[in-house]
Amino acid sequence: MTFLAGSIVVLKSGGPAMTVVAATEEGVECMWMSDVGELSRDVIPTIALEQVEVGDDEDEEDDDED
């Protein structure tokens, strides 16, 4: 799978949502906020990641009220 810069991904094993910075032959460079609020950045093997579908929460809440 190819990940584009700006995509939101997570480790298949779980963990925080991460933003893709770049995809290279070495892996996918990601950034995320740690549990203590520090910005983290690392290259992660593509095979270990899956893309997260991000929806508009506000629209979903409006649909529930109808």
PDB file of N, CA and C in Angstrom:
ATOM      1  N   MET A   1       0.849  -1.184   0.000  1.00  0.00           N
ATOM      2  CA  MET A   1       0.000   0.000   0.000  1.00  0.00           C
ATOM      3  C   MET A   1       0.887   1.238   0.000  1.00  0.00           C
ATOM      4  N   THR A   2       0.428   2.258  -0.684  1.00  0.00           N
ATOM      5  CA  THR A   2       1.155   3.518  -0.742  1.00  0.00           C
ATOM      6  C   THR A   2       0.462   4.528   0.162  1.00  0.00           C
ATOM      7  N   PHE A   3       1.246   5.200   0.984  1.00  0.00           N
ATOM      8  CA  PHE A   3       0.705   6.223   1.873  1.00  0.00           C
ATOM      9  C   PHE A   3       1.151   7.589   1.374  1.00  0.00           C
ATOM     10  N   LEU A   4       0.230   8.530   1.316  1.00  0.00           N
ATOM     11  CA  LEU A   4       0.528   9.883   0.866  1.00  0.00           C
ATOM     12  C   LEU A   4       0.760  10.799   2.057  1.00  0.00           C
ATOM     13  N   ALA A   5       1.603  11.813   1.860  1.00  0.00           N
ATOM     14  CA  ALA A   5       1.840  12.803   2.908  1.00  0.00           C
ATOM     15  C   ALA A   5       0.506  13.397   3.338  1.00  0.00           C
ATOM     16  N   GLY A   6       0.309  13.488   4.643  1.00  0.00           N
ATOM     17  CA  GLY A   6      -0.930  14.019   5.196  1.00  0.00           C
ATOM     18  C   GLY A   6      -1.930  12.950   5.588  1.00  0.00           C
ATOM     19  N   SER A   7      -1.710  11.714   5.135  1.00  0.00           N
ATOM     20  CA  SER A   7      -2.599  10.611   5.512  1.00  0.00           C
ATOM     21  C   SER A   7      -2.460  10.316   6.996  1.00  0.00           C
ATOM     22  N   ILE A   8      -3.515   9.799   7.588  1.00  0.00           N
ATOM     23  CA  ILE A   8      -3.496   9.390   8.988  1.00  0.00           C
ATOM     24  C   ILE A   8      -3.383   7.869   9.022  1.00  0.00           C
ATOM     25  N   VAL A   9      -2.415   7.373   9.791  1.00  0.00           N
ATOM     26  CA  VAL A   9      -2.165   5.936   9.883  1.00  0.00           C
ATOM     27  C   VAL A   9      -2.014   5.521  11.339  1.00  0.00           C
ATOM     28  N   VAL A  10      -2.118   4.228  11.580  1.00  0.00           N
ATOM     29  CA  VAL A  10      -1.835   3.650  12.895  1.00  0.00           C
ATOM     30  C   VAL A  10      -1.044   2.370  12.679  1.00  0.00           C
ATOM     31  N   LEU A  11      -0.343   1.945  13.712  1.00  0.00           N
ATOM     32  CA  LEU A  11       0.300   0.644  13.670  1.00  0.00           C
ATOM     33  C   LEU A  11      -0.777  -0.427  13.664  1.00  0.00           C
ATOM     34  N   LYS A  12      -0.577  -1.488  12.922  1.00  0.00           N
ATOM     35  CA  LYS A  12      -1.544  -2.587  12.905  1.00  0.00           C
ATOM     36  C   LYS A  12      -1.705  -3.190  14.290  1.00  0.00           C
ATOM     37  N   SER A  13      -0.669  -3.082  15.112  1.00  0.00           N
ATOM     38  CA  SER A  13      -0.716  -3.622  16.471  1.00  0.00           C
ATOM     39  C   SER A  13      -1.363  -2.661  17.465  1.00  0.00           C
ATOM     40  N   GLY A  14      -1.726  -1.450  17.012  1.00  0.00           N
ATOM     41  CA  GLY A  14      -2.357  -0.460  17.881  1.00  0.00           C
ATOM     42  C   GLY A  14      -1.431   0.698  18.173  1.00  0.00           C
ATOM     43  N   GLY A  15      -1.959   1.710  18.839  1.00  0.00           N
ATOM     44  CA  GLY A  15      -1.161   2.878  19.189  1.00  0.00           C
ATOM     45  C   GLY A  15      -1.833   4.152  18.726  1.00  0.00           C
ATOM     46  N   PRO A  16      -1.120   5.280  18.848  1.00  0.00           N
ATOM     47  CA  PRO A  16      -1.707   6.574  18.504  1.00  0.00           C
ATOM     48  C   PRO A  16      -1.837   6.765  16.996  1.00  0.00           C
ATOM     49  N   ALA A  17      -2.750   7.636  16.601  1.00  0.00           N
ATOM     50  CA  ALA A  17      -2.850   8.030  15.199  1.00  0.00           C
ATOM     51  C   ALA A  17      -1.613   8.846  14.851  1.00  0.00           C
ATOM     52  N   MET A  18      -1.090   8.626  13.644  1.00  0.00           N
ATOM     53  CA  MET A  18       0.123   9.312  13.203  1.00  0.00           C
ATOM     54  C   MET A  18      -0.131   9.944  11.844  1.00  0.00           C
ATOM     55  N   THR A  19       0.539  11.058  11.572  1.00  0.00           N
ATOM     56  CA  THR A  19       0.440  11.731  10.284  1.00  0.00           C
ATOM     57  C   THR A  19       1.635  11.356   9.427  1.00  0.00           C
ATOM     58  N   VAL A  20       1.375  10.949   8.195  1.00  0.00           N
ATOM     59  CA  VAL A  20       2.451  10.610   7.266  1.00  0.00           C
ATOM     60  C   VAL A  20       3.119  11.896   6.800  1.00  0.00           C
ATOM     61  N   VAL A  21       4.447  11.932   6.927  1.00  0.00           N
ATOM     62  CA  VAL A  21       5.238  13.067   6.453  1.00  0.00           C
ATOM     63  C   VAL A  21       5.750  12.776   5.048  1.00  0.00           C
ATOM     64  N   ALA A  22       6.260  11.559   4.843  1.00  0.00           N
ATOM     65  CA  ALA A  22       6.798  11.155   3.544  1.00  0.00           C
ATOM     66  C   ALA A  22       6.872   9.642   3.484  1.00  0.00           C
ATOM     67  N   ALA A  23       6.852   9.116   2.268  1.00  0.00           N
ATOM     68  CA  ALA A  23       7.041   7.682   2.061  1.00  0.00           C
ATOM     69  C   ALA A  23       8.308   7.501   1.235  1.00  0.00           C
ATOM     70  N   THR A  24       9.209   6.643   1.704  1.00  0.00           N
ATOM     71  CA  THR A  24      10.471   6.387   1.024  1.00  0.00           C
ATOM     72  C   THR A  24      10.653   4.885   0.850  1.00  0.00           C
ATOM     73  N   GLU A  25      11.754   4.497   0.230  1.00  0.00           N
ATOM     74  CA  GLU A  25      12.057   3.073   0.088  1.00  0.00           C
ATOM     75  C   GLU A  25      12.309   2.426   1.448  1.00  0.00           C
ATOM     76  N   GLU A  26      12.764   3.220   2.417  1.00  0.00           N
ATOM     77  CA  GLU A  26      13.049   2.709   3.761  1.00  0.00           C
ATOM     78  C   GLU A  26      11.784   2.458   4.572  1.00  0.00           C
ATOM     79  N   GLY A  27      10.726   3.180   4.281  1.00  0.00           N
ATOM     80  CA  GLY A  27       9.487   3.057   5.033  1.00  0.00           C
ATOM     81  C   GLY A  27       8.690   4.343   4.967  1.00  0.00           C
ATOM     82  N   VAL A  28       7.819   4.521   5.943  1.00  0.00           N
ATOM     83  CA  VAL A  28       6.943   5.688   5.990  1.00  0.00           C
ATOM     84  C   VAL A  28       7.364   6.563   7.163  1.00  0.00           C
ATOM     85  N   GLU A  29       7.707   7.810   6.874  1.00  0.00           N
ATOM     86  CA  GLU A  29       8.078   8.748   7.934  1.00  0.00           C
ATOM     87  C   GLU A  29       6.797   9.330   8.522  1.00  0.00           C
ATOM     88  N   CYS A  30       6.633   9.156   9.837  1.00  0.00           N
ATOM     89  CA  CYS A  30       5.408   9.578  10.523  1.00  0.00           C
ATOM     90  C   CYS A  30       5.722  10.511  11.682  1.00  0.00           C
ATOM     91  N   MET A  31       4.740  11.352  12.017  1.00  0.00           N
ATOM     92  CA  MET A  31       4.810  12.223  13.195  1.00  0.00           C
ATOM     93  C   MET A  31       3.568  11.983  14.032  1.00  0.00           C
ATOM     94  N   TRP A  32       3.721  12.073  15.356  1.00  0.00           N
ATOM     95  CA  TRP A  32       2.589  11.905  16.264  1.00  0.00           C
ATOM     96  C   TRP A  32       2.919  12.549  17.596  1.00  0.00           C
ATOM     97  N   MET A  33       1.884  12.788  18.384  1.00  0.00           N
ATOM     98  CA  MET A  33       2.051  13.328  19.732  1.00  0.00           C
ATOM     99  C   MET A  33       2.097  12.165  20.711  1.00  0.00           C
ATOM    100  N   SER A  34       3.108  12.167  21.573  1.00  0.00           N
ATOM    101  CA  SER A  34       3.231  11.105  22.576  1.00  0.00           C
ATOM    102  C   SER A  34       2.210  11.318  23.688  1.00  0.00           C
ATOM    103  N   ASP A  35       2.130  10.349  24.589  1.00  0.00           N
ATOM    104  CA  ASP A  35       1.196  10.446  25.717  1.00  0.00           C
ATOM    105  C   ASP A  35       1.484  11.641  26.610  1.00  0.00           C
ATOM    106  N   VAL A  36       2.742  12.104  26.626  1.00  0.00           N
ATOM    107  CA  VAL A  36       3.113  13.241  27.474  1.00  0.00           C
ATOM    108  C   VAL A  36       3.158  14.550  26.685  1.00  0.00           C
ATOM    109  N   GLY A  37       2.630  14.535  25.450  1.00  0.00           N
ATOM    110  CA  GLY A  37       2.523  15.758  24.668  1.00  0.00           C
ATOM    111  C   GLY A  37       3.758  16.139  23.878  1.00  0.00           C
ATOM    112  N   GLU A  38       4.719  15.233  23.744  1.00  0.00           N
ATOM    113  CA  GLU A  38       5.918  15.517  22.960  1.00  0.00           C
ATOM    114  C   GLU A  38       5.705  15.076  21.517  1.00  0.00           C
ATOM    115  N   LEU A  39       6.207  15.881  20.580  1.00  0.00           N
ATOM    116  CA  LEU A  39       6.123  15.529  19.171  1.00  0.00           C
ATOM    117  C   LEU A  39       7.172  14.468  18.863  1.00  0.00           C
ATOM    118  N   SER A  40       6.736  13.358  18.301  1.00  0.00           N
ATOM    119  CA  SER A  40       7.640  12.261  17.952  1.00  0.00           C
ATOM    120  C   SER A  40       7.648  12.096  16.445  1.00  0.00           C
ATOM    121  N   ARG A  41       8.776  11.584  15.928  1.00  0.00           N
ATOM    122  CA  ARG A  41       8.920  11.399  14.483  1.00  0.00           C
ATOM    123  C   ARG A  41       9.822  10.201  14.248  1.00  0.00           C
ATOM    124  N   ASP A  42       9.413   9.292  13.338  1.00  0.00           N
ATOM    125  CA  ASP A  42      10.221   8.106  13.060  1.00  0.00           C
ATOM    126  C   ASP A  42       9.817   7.521  11.712  1.00  0.00           C
ATOM    127  N   VAL A  43      10.700   6.687  11.153  1.00  0.00           N
ATOM    128  CA  VAL A  43      10.407   5.957   9.925  1.00  0.00           C
ATOM    129  C   VAL A  43       9.948   4.559  10.325  1.00  0.00           C
ATOM    130  N   ILE A  44       8.786   4.163   9.829  1.00  0.00           N
ATOM    131  CA  ILE A  44       8.160   2.896  10.206  1.00  0.00           C
ATOM    132  C   ILE A  44       7.979   2.056   8.938  1.00  0.00           C
ATOM    133  N   PRO A  45       8.255   0.753   9.008  1.00  0.00           N
ATOM    134  CA  PRO A  45       8.056  -0.100   7.830  1.00  0.00           C
ATOM    135  C   PRO A  45       6.603  -0.052   7.346  1.00  0.00           C
ATOM    136  N   THR A  46       6.424   0.048   6.058  1.00  0.00           N
ATOM    137  CA  THR A  46       5.090   0.139   5.462  1.00  0.00           C
ATOM    138  C   THR A  46       4.188  -1.014   5.889  1.00  0.00           C
ATOM    139  N   ILE A  47       4.736  -2.197   5.965  1.00  0.00           N
ATOM    140  CA  ILE A  47       3.964  -3.398   6.299  1.00  0.00           C
ATOM    141  C   ILE A  47       3.307  -3.306   7.678  1.00  0.00           C
ATOM    142  N   ALA A  48       3.842  -2.453   8.560  1.00  0.00           N
ATOM    143  CA  ALA A  48       3.338  -2.348   9.929  1.00  0.00           C
ATOM    144  C   ALA A  48       2.207  -1.338  10.082  1.00  0.00           C
ATOM    145  N   LEU A  49       1.850  -0.631   8.997  1.00  0.00           N
ATOM    146  CA  LEU A  49       0.874   0.451   9.090  1.00  0.00           C
ATOM    147  C   LEU A  49      -0.417   0.148   8.344  1.00  0.00           C
ATOM    148  N   GLU A  50      -1.499   0.775   8.833  1.00  0.00           N
ATOM    149  CA  GLU A  50      -2.763   0.768   8.100  1.00  0.00           C
ATOM    150  C   GLU A  50      -3.352   2.171   8.153  1.00  0.00           C
ATOM    151  N   GLN A  51      -4.030   2.561   7.076  1.00  0.00           N
ATOM    152  CA  GLN A  51      -4.600   3.893   6.983  1.00  0.00           C
ATOM    153  C   GLN A  51      -5.883   3.979   7.789  1.00  0.00           C
ATOM    154  N   VAL A  52      -6.107   5.136   8.390  1.00  0.00           N
ATOM    155  CA  VAL A  52      -7.310   5.402   9.171  1.00  0.00           C
ATOM    156  C   VAL A  52      -8.218   6.293   8.335  1.00  0.00           C
ATOM    157  N   GLU A  53      -9.480   5.932   8.262  1.00  0.00           N
ATOM    158  CA  GLU A  53     -10.457   6.773   7.575  1.00  0.00           C
ATOM    159  C   GLU A  53     -10.941   7.827   8.557  1.00  0.00           C
ATOM    160  N   VAL A  54     -10.741   9.080   8.202  1.00  0.00           N
ATOM    161  CA  VAL A  54     -11.130  10.184   9.074  1.00  0.00           C
ATOM    162  C   VAL A  54     -12.412  10.783   8.529  1.00  0.00           C
ATOM    163  N   GLY A  55     -13.448  10.823   9.383  1.00  0.00           N
ATOM    164  CA  GLY A  55     -14.729  11.382   8.974  1.00  0.00           C
ATOM    165  C   GLY A  55     -14.977  12.702   9.665  1.00  0.00           C
ATOM    166  N   ASP A  56     -16.036  13.356   9.278  1.00  0.00           N
ATOM    167  CA  ASP A  56     -16.437  14.614   9.891  1.00  0.00           C
ATOM    168  C   ASP A  56     -17.382  14.282  11.038  1.00  0.00           C
ATOM    169  N   ASP A  57     -16.885  14.325  12.273  1.00  0.00           N
ATOM    170  CA  ASP A  57     -17.674  13.949  13.443  1.00  0.00           C
ATOM    171  C   ASP A  57     -18.926  14.804  13.599  1.00  0.00           C
ATOM    172  N   GLU A  58     -18.846  16.076  13.220  1.00  0.00           N
ATOM    173  CA  GLU A  58     -19.988  16.967  13.384  1.00  0.00           C
ATOM    174  C   GLU A  58     -21.167  16.488  12.545  1.00  0.00           C
ATOM    175  N   ASP A  59     -20.919  16.072  11.304  1.00  0.00           N
ATOM    176  CA  ASP A  59     -21.993  15.585  10.447  1.00  0.00           C
ATOM    177  C   ASP A  59     -22.599  14.305  10.999  1.00  0.00           C
ATOM    178  N   GLU A  60     -21.769  13.414  11.546  1.00  0.00           N
ATOM    179  CA  GLU A  60     -22.267  12.167  12.108  1.00  0.00           C
ATOM    180  C   GLU A  60     -23.181  12.428  13.292  1.00  0.00           C
ATOM    181  N   GLU A  61     -22.852  13.412  14.131  1.00  0.00           N
ATOM    182  CA  GLU A  61     -23.685  13.743  15.281  1.00  0.00           C
ATOM    183  C   GLU A  61     -25.023  14.294  14.824  1.00  0.00           C
ATOM    184  N   ASP A  62     -25.019  15.118  13.763  1.00  0.00           N
ATOM    185  CA  ASP A  62     -26.259  15.678  13.248  1.00  0.00           C
ATOM    186  C   ASP A  62     -27.174  14.582  12.727  1.00  0.00           C
ATOM    187  N   ASP A  63     -26.608  13.562  12.078  1.00  0.00           N
ATOM    188  CA  ASP A  63     -27.407  12.469  11.540  1.00  0.00           C
ATOM    189  C   ASP A  63     -28.093  11.682  12.651  1.00  0.00           C
ATOM    190  N   ASP A  64     -27.454  11.554  13.805  1.00  0.00           N
ATOM    191  CA  ASP A  64     -28.022  10.804  14.918  1.00  0.00           C
ATOM    192  C   ASP A  64     -29.254  11.487  15.502  1.00  0.00           C
ATOM    193  N   GLU A  65     -29.343  12.804  15.376  1.00  0.00           N
ATOM    194  CA  GLU A  65     -30.435  13.553  15.973  1.00  0.00           C
ATOM    195  C   GLU A  65     -31.723  13.433  15.174  1.00  0.00           C
ATOM    196  N   ASP A  66     -31.646  13.057  13.901  1.00  0.00           N
ATOM    197  CA  ASP A  66     -32.842  12.992  13.047  1.00  0.00           C
ATOM    198  C   ASP A  66     -33.691  11.799  13.340  1.00  0.00           C
TER     199      ASP A  66
END
